[in-house]
Amino acid sequence: MDSARLIESAQQHLPAALEWLRRMVQINSYTSNVAGINALGQLTAECFASMGFTAQFIPATDPQHGSHLFLSRGPLDQPAVVLVTHLDTVFPSEEEFRNNFNWQPEASRIYGPGTVDNKGGTALIWLMLRVLMDVHPALFESTTWLIAANSAEEVIGTDFADRTFELCHNTARAVLVFEGGPREGKDWHLVTSRKGRAEYRITCTGRGAHAGSSHAEGINAIVELARLLPKVAALTSPERELTVNIANIQGGTVLNRVPHEATAELEMRAFDPEALSLAGKALESMGRVTEGGAQLQIDCVGQTRAWPGGDGTQALFELWAKHADSLGIKAISMKRGGLSDANYLCQLGPTLDALGPVGGNAHCSERTSDGTKIPEYVEQSSFVPKAVLNLLALEDFLASQPNP
C-alpha cells in the first residue's frame, strides 16, 4: 500500500473517528457499571456496523460486569486477525463528576476517561479499518476480522479470554492489542512481552488473650506475621526481573485483646514463568509455624501467565519496525510489567501490544492548578501515523501469511 494514500485517507476519516471517541467517552463505563458497559457496547457495535461487522454480546460470568462484545466480519471457521480492546475504565461516575473529568479537547490533547485506555484504542481500530476499506478493499474483504472488546479488563481474569478462544476455535492469524503506545520523541513503543503475576494471601493465626491480665498467654498474630514479611519481601530479585509487593496487612480487633489473627496479601511478577514458580515455592516453604508458635497458612489466590514474547511476536515486531523506519520514526521493543489481555490471548497466535494511540496518565482523573497532576489524555496527532504504521505492517504480515 502507498503510505501517501493511507495518510490522506486517515486524515480524511480522523474527524469521524474522533467523533466516535467523543461519544464513547461520554458514557461512563466503570467496570462495575453494568448499564454503562452495555450502553458503550451497543454504541461500539453501531460504530462498526457500517463496515459490515456483526455484533455478538456474551454475558460475563460475573453478574457485576457487563457483556463482552465481539464484532466479526468473515467466517470464523477460518483463523481471524483478532483486534483487542476493552470497554471498561477505572473511574466511577462520582469521581468523574467530582473532578470535572470529561471530554475536554485542549490544544493537541483530548482529556477524558478512557481517551487512551482504552476507548482511544477502539477508535484507532475503527480508523484503521475504515482506511483499509478505502485504500485496499480487496484485503479488507478477504480477511476474517474479530474485534474483541473485554467488558472487565481492568480487573483481569480468564472469562474474556475463554470466550475469545471459543469463538476463534483456539487459533488466530495474529492477536493485536490496542492498548496505548507511548512515544518518546521519534521513538514509538511497542510491547513485546508482559510479566506474569501470582497473588498470595498469608493467614497467621495466633492465640487471643486479655491484653492486661493475660498478655503472656497470648500469641500476637500481628507481631508474628510482621516478623515473616521482611523474608517475603526479600524474595524480590532484580537479576531475575522478579518483584514481590506486599500490598496490604490487616489484623486485630480491639486494643485490650492480643490479636488472634492477621493476614497479608501480596503479588509476585516476573517475565520468566520459572522465576515466578520458584518464588512461589520459596514462599510456600517458609513454614507452617512461626518462631513464636503462631500457625501460618499460605495460599495462592490467583495467577496470570506471563507473556514472554517469542518468535511469533519478534517476527511481528520486525515488520512494524521496518515500516516505522519507512515513515521516519523508530519502533522500540518494550517489556512491560503491567498486565493486559495479551497475557491471556498470546497462545492464540503471534501477539503484539501497544498498537493504540499515544497518550498518558491512564487511571488518573485529577488536575491541579500547578500542573503537578493532569488527568488521562490522548494525543490527537498520534492517530494518523499509528493507523498508517499498523496498516503497512499488517498488510506485509498478511501477505506473508495467507489465509488458509
Protein backbone atom coordinates (compact mmCIF):
# COMPACT_ATOMS: atom_id res chain seq x y z
CA MET A 1 0.00 0.00 0.00
CA ASP A 2 1.15 3.53 -0.75
CA SER A 3 1.79 5.35 2.53
CA ALA A 4 0.77 8.69 0.99
CA ARG A 5 -2.66 7.33 0.10
CA LEU A 6 -3.00 5.84 3.58
CA ILE A 7 -2.11 9.16 5.21
CA GLU A 8 -4.56 11.06 3.00
CA SER A 9 -7.39 8.64 3.78
CA ALA A 10 -6.59 8.58 7.51
CA GLN A 11 -6.64 12.37 7.69
CA GLN A 12 -9.98 12.38 5.86
CA HIS A 13 -11.57 9.93 8.31
CA LEU A 14 -9.91 11.22 11.50
CA PRO A 15 -12.75 13.67 12.39
CA ALA A 16 -15.27 10.83 12.24
CA ALA A 17 -13.02 8.62 14.39
CA LEU A 18 -12.72 11.37 16.99
CA GLU A 19 -16.48 11.91 16.97
CA TRP A 20 -16.99 8.21 17.75
CA LEU A 21 -14.39 8.58 20.50
CA ARG A 22 -16.23 11.61 21.93
CA ARG A 23 -19.49 9.67 22.11
CA MET A 24 -17.73 6.74 23.78
CA VAL A 25 -16.03 8.93 26.38
CA GLN A 26 -19.38 10.50 27.30
CA ILE A 27 -20.63 7.11 28.52
CA ASN A 28 -19.41 6.19 31.99
CA SER A 29 -18.07 2.65 31.68
CA TYR A 30 -16.60 1.98 35.12
CA THR A 31 -16.05 -1.77 35.36
CA SER A 32 -18.98 -2.41 37.72
CA ASN A 33 -21.35 -0.02 35.91
CA VAL A 34 -23.17 -2.76 34.02
CA ALA A 35 -25.65 -0.40 32.34
CA GLY A 36 -22.82 1.88 31.18
CA ILE A 37 -20.70 -1.00 29.88
CA ASN A 38 -23.65 -2.39 27.93
CA ALA A 39 -24.54 1.05 26.53
CA LEU A 40 -20.96 1.51 25.35
CA GLY A 41 -21.06 -1.95 23.82
CA GLN A 42 -24.15 -1.02 21.85
CA LEU A 43 -22.54 2.21 20.65
CA THR A 44 -19.39 0.35 19.64
CA ALA A 45 -21.44 -2.18 17.69
CA GLU A 46 -23.16 0.73 15.92
CA CYS A 47 -19.76 2.26 15.18
CA PHE A 48 -18.58 -0.80 13.23
CA ALA A 49 -21.91 -1.86 11.72
CA SER A 50 -21.47 0.28 8.61
CA MET A 51 -18.35 -1.74 7.78
CA GLY A 52 -20.28 -4.99 7.85
CA PHE A 53 -19.36 -6.22 11.33
CA THR A 54 -21.81 -8.49 13.13
CA ALA A 55 -22.12 -7.97 16.88
CA GLN A 56 -22.29 -10.72 19.46
CA PHE A 57 -22.79 -9.86 23.13
CA ILE A 58 -21.69 -12.58 25.55
CA PRO A 59 -22.57 -12.08 29.24
CA ALA A 60 -19.65 -12.08 31.65
CA THR A 61 -19.63 -14.90 34.18
CA ASP A 62 -19.58 -12.29 36.96
CA PRO A 63 -23.02 -10.59 37.08
CA GLN A 64 -21.34 -7.40 38.34
CA HIS A 65 -19.76 -6.96 34.91
CA GLY A 66 -21.35 -6.09 31.59
CA SER A 67 -21.33 -8.21 28.46
CA HIS A 68 -18.21 -8.78 26.40
CA LEU A 69 -18.55 -7.58 22.82
CA PHE A 70 -17.31 -9.50 19.79
CA LEU A 71 -17.57 -7.94 16.34
CA SER A 72 -16.83 -10.28 13.45
CA ARG A 73 -16.51 -9.93 9.72
CA GLY A 74 -15.84 -13.01 7.64
CA PRO A 75 -16.17 -16.71 8.52
CA LEU A 76 -14.85 -17.54 11.96
CA ASP A 77 -14.17 -21.12 10.88
CA GLN A 78 -11.03 -19.55 9.39
CA PRO A 79 -8.26 -18.07 11.58
CA ALA A 80 -9.03 -14.41 12.26
CA VAL A 81 -6.97 -11.33 12.83
CA VAL A 82 -8.03 -10.52 16.40
CA LEU A 83 -8.08 -6.82 17.27
CA VAL A 84 -8.29 -6.48 21.05
CA THR A 85 -9.67 -3.58 23.07
CA HIS A 86 -11.78 -3.13 26.19
CA LEU A 87 -14.92 -1.30 27.20
CA ASP A 88 -14.32 -0.57 30.87
CA THR A 89 -12.49 2.23 32.67
CA VAL A 90 -11.43 2.66 36.31
CA PHE A 91 -13.48 5.80 37.01
CA PRO A 92 -16.82 5.70 38.90
CA SER A 93 -19.28 8.34 37.72
CA GLU A 94 -19.00 10.11 41.10
CA GLU A 95 -15.26 10.56 40.57
CA GLU A 96 -15.75 11.91 37.06
CA PHE A 97 -18.29 14.43 38.39
CA ARG A 98 -16.18 15.41 41.41
CA ASN A 99 -13.10 16.10 39.30
CA ASN A 100 -14.98 17.58 36.32
CA PHE A 101 -13.34 14.85 34.30
CA ASN A 102 -14.97 14.55 30.89
CA TRP A 103 -14.32 15.12 27.18
CA GLN A 104 -12.03 18.16 27.09
CA PRO A 105 -10.02 18.97 23.94
CA GLU A 106 -7.12 21.28 24.75
CA ALA A 107 -4.62 22.13 22.00
CA SER A 108 -3.19 18.81 20.75
CA ARG A 109 -4.61 16.74 23.58
CA ILE A 110 -8.02 15.37 24.45
CA TYR A 111 -8.60 14.74 28.14
CA GLY A 112 -11.24 12.36 29.41
CA PRO A 113 -11.97 8.91 30.87
CA GLY A 114 -10.78 6.18 28.54
CA THR A 115 -9.34 8.54 25.93
CA VAL A 116 -6.19 6.40 25.80
CA ASP A 117 -7.23 3.43 27.99
CA ASN A 118 -8.92 2.14 26.01
CA LYS A 119 -11.66 3.92 24.07
CA GLY A 120 -8.90 5.60 22.08
CA GLY A 121 -7.72 2.12 21.09
CA THR A 122 -11.21 1.28 19.84
CA ALA A 123 -11.37 4.50 17.80
CA LEU A 124 -7.98 3.69 16.25
CA ILE A 125 -9.23 0.23 15.22
CA TRP A 126 -12.17 1.94 13.51
CA LEU A 127 -9.87 4.41 11.75
CA MET A 128 -7.55 1.65 10.54
CA LEU A 129 -10.31 -0.49 9.10
CA ARG A 130 -12.10 2.45 7.50
CA VAL A 131 -8.87 3.47 5.76
CA LEU A 132 -8.25 -0.12 4.66
CA MET A 133 -11.71 -0.21 3.08
CA ASP A 134 -10.75 2.86 1.03
CA VAL A 135 -7.21 2.03 0.04
CA HIS A 136 -7.12 -1.78 -0.15
CA PRO A 137 -10.72 -3.05 -0.22
CA ALA A 138 -9.68 -6.49 -1.52
CA LEU A 139 -7.50 -7.11 1.54
CA PHE A 140 -10.24 -5.86 3.85
CA GLU A 141 -12.81 -8.15 2.23
CA SER A 142 -10.60 -11.25 2.10
CA THR A 143 -9.52 -11.11 5.76
CA THR A 144 -11.50 -12.58 8.63
CA TRP A 145 -11.62 -9.98 11.40
CA LEU A 146 -12.62 -10.33 15.05
CA ILE A 147 -12.77 -7.21 17.21
CA ALA A 148 -12.75 -8.49 20.79
CA ALA A 149 -13.80 -5.96 23.45
CA ASN A 150 -13.39 -7.04 27.07
CA SER A 151 -16.03 -5.70 29.46
CA ALA A 152 -13.80 -6.09 32.55
CA GLU A 153 -10.16 -5.80 31.50
CA GLU A 154 -9.32 -3.53 34.43
CA VAL A 155 -9.95 -6.33 36.93
CA ILE A 156 -8.17 -9.02 34.84
CA GLY A 157 -9.47 -12.57 34.63
CA THR A 158 -9.83 -15.54 32.29
CA ASP A 159 -13.51 -15.09 31.40
CA PHE A 160 -12.99 -12.86 28.35
CA ALA A 161 -10.08 -14.93 27.10
CA ASP A 162 -12.09 -18.15 27.39
CA ARG A 163 -14.86 -16.69 25.22
CA THR A 164 -12.33 -15.41 22.68
CA PHE A 165 -10.67 -18.81 22.41
CA GLU A 166 -14.06 -20.43 21.84
CA LEU A 167 -15.00 -18.03 19.05
CA CYS A 168 -11.59 -18.42 17.40
CA HIS A 169 -11.56 -22.22 17.73
CA ASN A 170 -8.30 -21.86 19.68
CA THR A 171 -6.26 -20.26 16.90
CA ALA A 172 -5.74 -16.86 15.27
CA ARG A 173 -3.58 -15.44 12.49
CA ALA A 174 -2.48 -12.67 14.85
CA VAL A 175 -3.52 -11.08 18.13
CA LEU A 176 -3.12 -7.29 18.00
CA VAL A 177 -3.77 -5.47 21.27
CA PHE A 178 -4.69 -1.78 21.08
CA GLU A 179 -3.57 -0.58 24.49
CA GLY A 180 -1.97 2.87 24.32
CA GLY A 181 1.50 3.07 22.81
CA PRO A 182 3.83 5.60 24.48
CA ARG A 183 6.14 7.82 22.43
CA GLU A 184 9.44 9.49 23.29
CA GLY A 185 10.34 11.89 20.50
CA LYS A 186 10.56 9.74 17.36
CA ASP A 187 10.70 6.52 19.38
CA TRP A 188 7.35 4.72 19.42
CA HIS A 189 7.00 1.92 21.97
CA LEU A 190 5.56 -1.46 21.05
CA VAL A 191 5.08 -4.02 23.80
CA THR A 192 6.56 -7.46 23.06
CA SER A 193 6.25 -9.14 26.47
CA ARG A 194 4.50 -8.70 29.80
CA LYS A 195 5.15 -10.06 33.25
CA GLY A 196 3.04 -12.81 34.74
CA ARG A 197 1.58 -12.46 38.20
CA ALA A 198 0.91 -14.72 41.18
CA GLU A 199 -1.22 -13.47 44.07
CA TYR A 200 -0.90 -14.84 47.60
CA ARG A 201 -2.63 -14.49 50.93
CA ILE A 202 -0.79 -15.27 54.17
CA THR A 203 -3.01 -16.00 57.18
CA CYS A 204 -1.35 -16.01 60.59
CA THR A 205 -3.34 -17.49 63.47
CA GLY A 206 -2.11 -16.74 66.98
CA ARG A 207 -3.87 -17.01 70.34
CA GLY A 208 -6.22 -14.39 71.72
CA ALA A 209 -5.84 -13.26 75.31
CA HIS A 210 -6.65 -10.32 77.57
CA ALA A 211 -4.01 -7.70 76.87
CA GLY A 212 -3.83 -6.59 80.51
CA SER A 213 -4.23 -9.62 82.75
CA SER A 214 -3.20 -12.49 80.42
CA HIS A 215 -0.84 -10.90 77.93
CA ALA A 216 1.81 -13.60 78.26
CA GLU A 217 -0.69 -16.32 77.42
CA GLY A 218 -1.46 -14.82 74.01
CA ILE A 219 0.35 -15.20 70.72
CA ASN A 220 0.22 -11.90 68.85
CA ALA A 221 -0.63 -12.76 65.23
CA ILE A 222 0.31 -9.27 64.01
CA VAL A 223 3.77 -9.42 65.55
CA GLU A 224 4.39 -12.93 64.26
CA LEU A 225 3.29 -12.03 60.76
CA ALA A 226 5.40 -8.86 60.83
CA ARG A 227 8.48 -10.97 61.59
CA LEU A 228 7.86 -13.04 58.48
CA LEU A 229 7.22 -10.25 55.98
CA PRO A 230 10.82 -8.99 55.55
CA LYS A 231 11.77 -12.52 54.43
CA VAL A 232 8.89 -12.46 51.96
CA ALA A 233 9.92 -9.06 50.57
CA ALA A 234 13.50 -10.29 50.22
CA LEU A 235 12.37 -12.74 47.52
CA THR A 236 12.47 -9.77 45.10
CA SER A 237 15.28 -10.38 42.61
CA PRO A 238 16.29 -7.58 40.21
CA GLU A 239 18.59 -10.04 38.43
CA ARG A 240 15.60 -12.23 37.51
CA GLU A 241 13.30 -9.22 36.96
CA LEU A 242 11.16 -10.59 39.78
CA THR A 243 9.23 -8.25 42.07
CA VAL A 244 7.41 -9.11 45.28
CA ASN A 245 4.98 -6.48 46.53
CA ILE A 246 3.34 -6.81 49.95
CA ALA A 247 0.19 -4.85 49.26
CA ASN A 248 -1.80 -4.87 52.49
CA ILE A 249 -1.85 -6.23 56.01
CA GLN A 250 -4.78 -6.49 58.39
CA GLY A 251 -5.26 -7.88 61.85
CA GLY A 252 -6.57 -7.46 65.35
CA THR A 253 -9.79 -6.09 66.77
CA VAL A 254 -9.86 -4.06 70.00
CA LEU A 255 -6.95 -2.59 71.93
CA ASN A 256 -7.34 -4.76 75.02
CA ARG A 257 -7.08 -8.04 73.17
CA VAL A 258 -3.95 -9.84 71.95
CA PRO A 259 -4.66 -10.21 68.19
CA HIS A 260 -5.52 -13.79 67.33
CA GLU A 261 -5.35 -13.39 63.53
CA ALA A 262 -3.61 -11.30 60.91
CA THR A 263 -3.46 -11.52 57.14
CA ALA A 264 -1.26 -10.09 54.42
CA GLU A 265 -1.80 -10.07 50.67
CA LEU A 266 0.94 -9.80 48.10
CA GLU A 267 1.72 -10.27 44.45
CA MET A 268 4.76 -11.53 42.57
CA ARG A 269 5.58 -10.60 38.98
CA ALA A 270 8.18 -11.87 36.54
CA PHE A 271 8.67 -12.24 32.78
CA ASP A 272 10.13 -15.73 33.25
CA PRO A 273 7.47 -18.28 34.31
CA GLU A 274 10.16 -20.35 36.02
CA ALA A 275 11.26 -17.40 38.15
CA LEU A 276 7.66 -16.87 39.23
CA SER A 277 7.22 -20.56 40.04
CA LEU A 278 10.43 -20.77 42.08
CA ALA A 279 9.49 -17.66 44.08
CA GLY A 280 6.09 -19.14 44.85
CA LYS A 281 7.67 -22.37 46.05
CA ALA A 282 10.11 -20.39 48.21
CA LEU A 283 7.22 -18.51 49.79
CA GLU A 284 5.22 -21.66 50.43
CA SER A 285 8.26 -23.33 52.03
CA MET A 286 8.58 -20.67 54.73
CA GLY A 287 6.90 -22.96 57.18
CA ARG A 288 3.62 -23.52 58.89
CA VAL A 289 4.57 -22.37 62.40
CA THR A 290 6.32 -19.12 63.36
CA GLU A 291 9.08 -18.79 65.94
CA GLY A 292 6.51 -17.60 68.44
CA GLY A 293 4.14 -20.50 67.84
CA ALA A 294 1.56 -18.95 65.52
CA GLN A 295 0.11 -21.03 62.70
CA LEU A 296 0.72 -19.96 59.11
CA GLN A 297 -1.37 -20.68 56.03
CA ILE A 298 -0.04 -19.54 52.66
CA ASP A 299 -2.49 -19.69 49.75
CA CYS A 300 -2.09 -18.80 46.09
CA VAL A 301 -5.34 -16.98 45.31
CA GLY A 302 -4.76 -16.02 41.68
CA GLN A 303 -2.39 -16.43 38.75
CA THR A 304 -1.87 -14.71 35.41
CA ARG A 305 0.50 -16.36 32.99
CA ALA A 306 3.40 -14.36 31.64
CA TRP A 307 3.54 -13.35 28.01
CA PRO A 308 7.24 -13.91 27.32
CA GLY A 309 7.10 -12.84 23.68
CA GLY A 310 8.70 -15.46 21.43
CA ASP A 311 9.44 -15.97 17.76
CA GLY A 312 5.96 -15.04 16.52
CA THR A 313 5.97 -11.78 18.44
CA GLN A 314 9.51 -10.97 17.30
CA ALA A 315 8.51 -11.53 13.67
CA LEU A 316 5.59 -9.12 14.09
CA PHE A 317 7.77 -6.53 15.78
CA GLU A 318 10.34 -6.66 12.97
CA LEU A 319 7.61 -5.90 10.42
CA TRP A 320 6.40 -2.93 12.47
CA ALA A 321 9.97 -1.73 12.95
CA LYS A 322 10.66 -1.93 9.20
CA HIS A 323 7.63 0.16 8.31
CA ALA A 324 8.27 2.62 11.14
CA ASP A 325 11.62 3.32 9.52
CA SER A 326 9.89 3.98 6.20
CA LEU A 327 7.74 6.61 7.95
CA GLY A 328 10.71 8.32 9.57
CA ILE A 329 10.00 7.03 13.07
CA LYS A 330 11.55 4.30 15.20
CA ALA A 331 9.76 1.35 16.82
CA ILE A 332 11.15 0.32 20.20
CA SER A 333 10.56 -3.16 21.64
CA MET A 334 9.42 -2.81 25.26
CA LYS A 335 8.94 -5.29 28.08
CA ARG A 336 6.17 -4.15 30.41
CA GLY A 337 5.43 -5.16 33.98
CA GLY A 338 1.73 -4.36 33.77
CA LEU A 339 -0.85 -6.88 32.62
CA SER A 340 -3.13 -6.74 29.59
CA ASP A 341 -5.31 -9.08 27.58
CA ALA A 342 -2.11 -10.11 25.78
CA ASN A 343 -1.21 -12.21 28.84
CA TYR A 344 -4.31 -14.32 28.27
CA LEU A 345 -4.60 -14.31 24.48
CA CYS A 346 -0.97 -14.78 23.41
CA GLN A 347 -1.45 -18.52 22.99
CA LEU A 348 -3.96 -17.90 20.19
CA GLY A 349 -1.27 -16.73 17.79
CA PRO A 350 1.60 -14.26 17.33
CA THR A 351 0.88 -11.26 19.54
CA LEU A 352 1.85 -7.60 19.60
CA ASP A 353 0.68 -4.96 22.08
CA ALA A 354 0.56 -1.16 22.46
CA LEU A 355 -0.85 -0.62 18.97
CA GLY A 356 -3.21 2.09 20.20
CA PRO A 357 -2.71 5.87 20.12
CA VAL A 358 -0.24 7.85 22.19
CA GLY A 359 -1.43 9.31 25.48
CA GLY A 360 -0.63 9.47 29.15
CA ASN A 361 -1.76 9.43 32.77
CA ALA A 362 -4.12 6.49 32.38
CA HIS A 363 -6.10 5.85 35.60
CA CYS A 364 -5.74 9.47 36.76
CA SER A 365 -8.71 11.86 36.89
CA GLU A 366 -7.18 14.67 38.94
CA ARG A 367 -5.96 18.07 37.77
CA THR A 368 -4.12 20.56 39.96
CA SER A 369 -3.68 24.26 39.26
CA ASP A 370 0.12 23.97 39.45
CA GLY A 371 0.15 21.24 36.80
CA THR A 372 1.68 18.58 39.04
CA LYS A 373 -1.33 16.39 38.32
CA ILE A 374 -3.05 16.16 34.98
CA PRO A 375 -5.70 13.61 34.02
CA GLU A 376 -5.73 10.92 31.36
CA TYR A 377 -5.36 12.19 27.81
CA VAL A 378 -4.76 11.10 24.23
CA GLU A 379 -2.72 12.94 21.61
CA GLN A 380 -4.83 13.66 18.52
CA SER A 381 -1.73 13.83 16.34
CA SER A 382 -0.86 10.19 17.05
CA PHE A 383 -3.92 8.62 15.40
CA VAL A 384 -2.94 9.04 11.76
CA PRO A 385 0.70 7.88 11.97
CA LYS A 386 -0.18 4.95 14.23
CA ALA A 387 -3.01 3.85 11.94
CA VAL A 388 -0.76 4.07 8.90
CA LEU A 389 2.07 2.19 10.60
CA ASN A 390 -0.30 -0.57 11.72
CA LEU A 391 -1.78 -0.93 8.24
CA LEU A 392 1.54 -1.08 6.42
CA ALA A 393 2.89 -3.74 8.76
CA LEU A 394 -0.37 -5.67 8.81
CA GLU A 395 -0.53 -5.81 5.02
CA ASP A 396 3.03 -7.13 4.96
CA PHE A 397 2.17 -9.77 7.56
CA LEU A 398 -1.00 -10.91 5.82
CA ALA A 399 0.83 -11.21 2.50
CA SER A 400 3.38 -13.48 4.14
CA GLN A 401 0.74 -15.50 6.00
CA PRO A 402 -2.09 -16.12 3.51
CA ASN A 403 -5.47 -17.12 4.88
CA PRO A 404 -5.90 -20.92 4.78
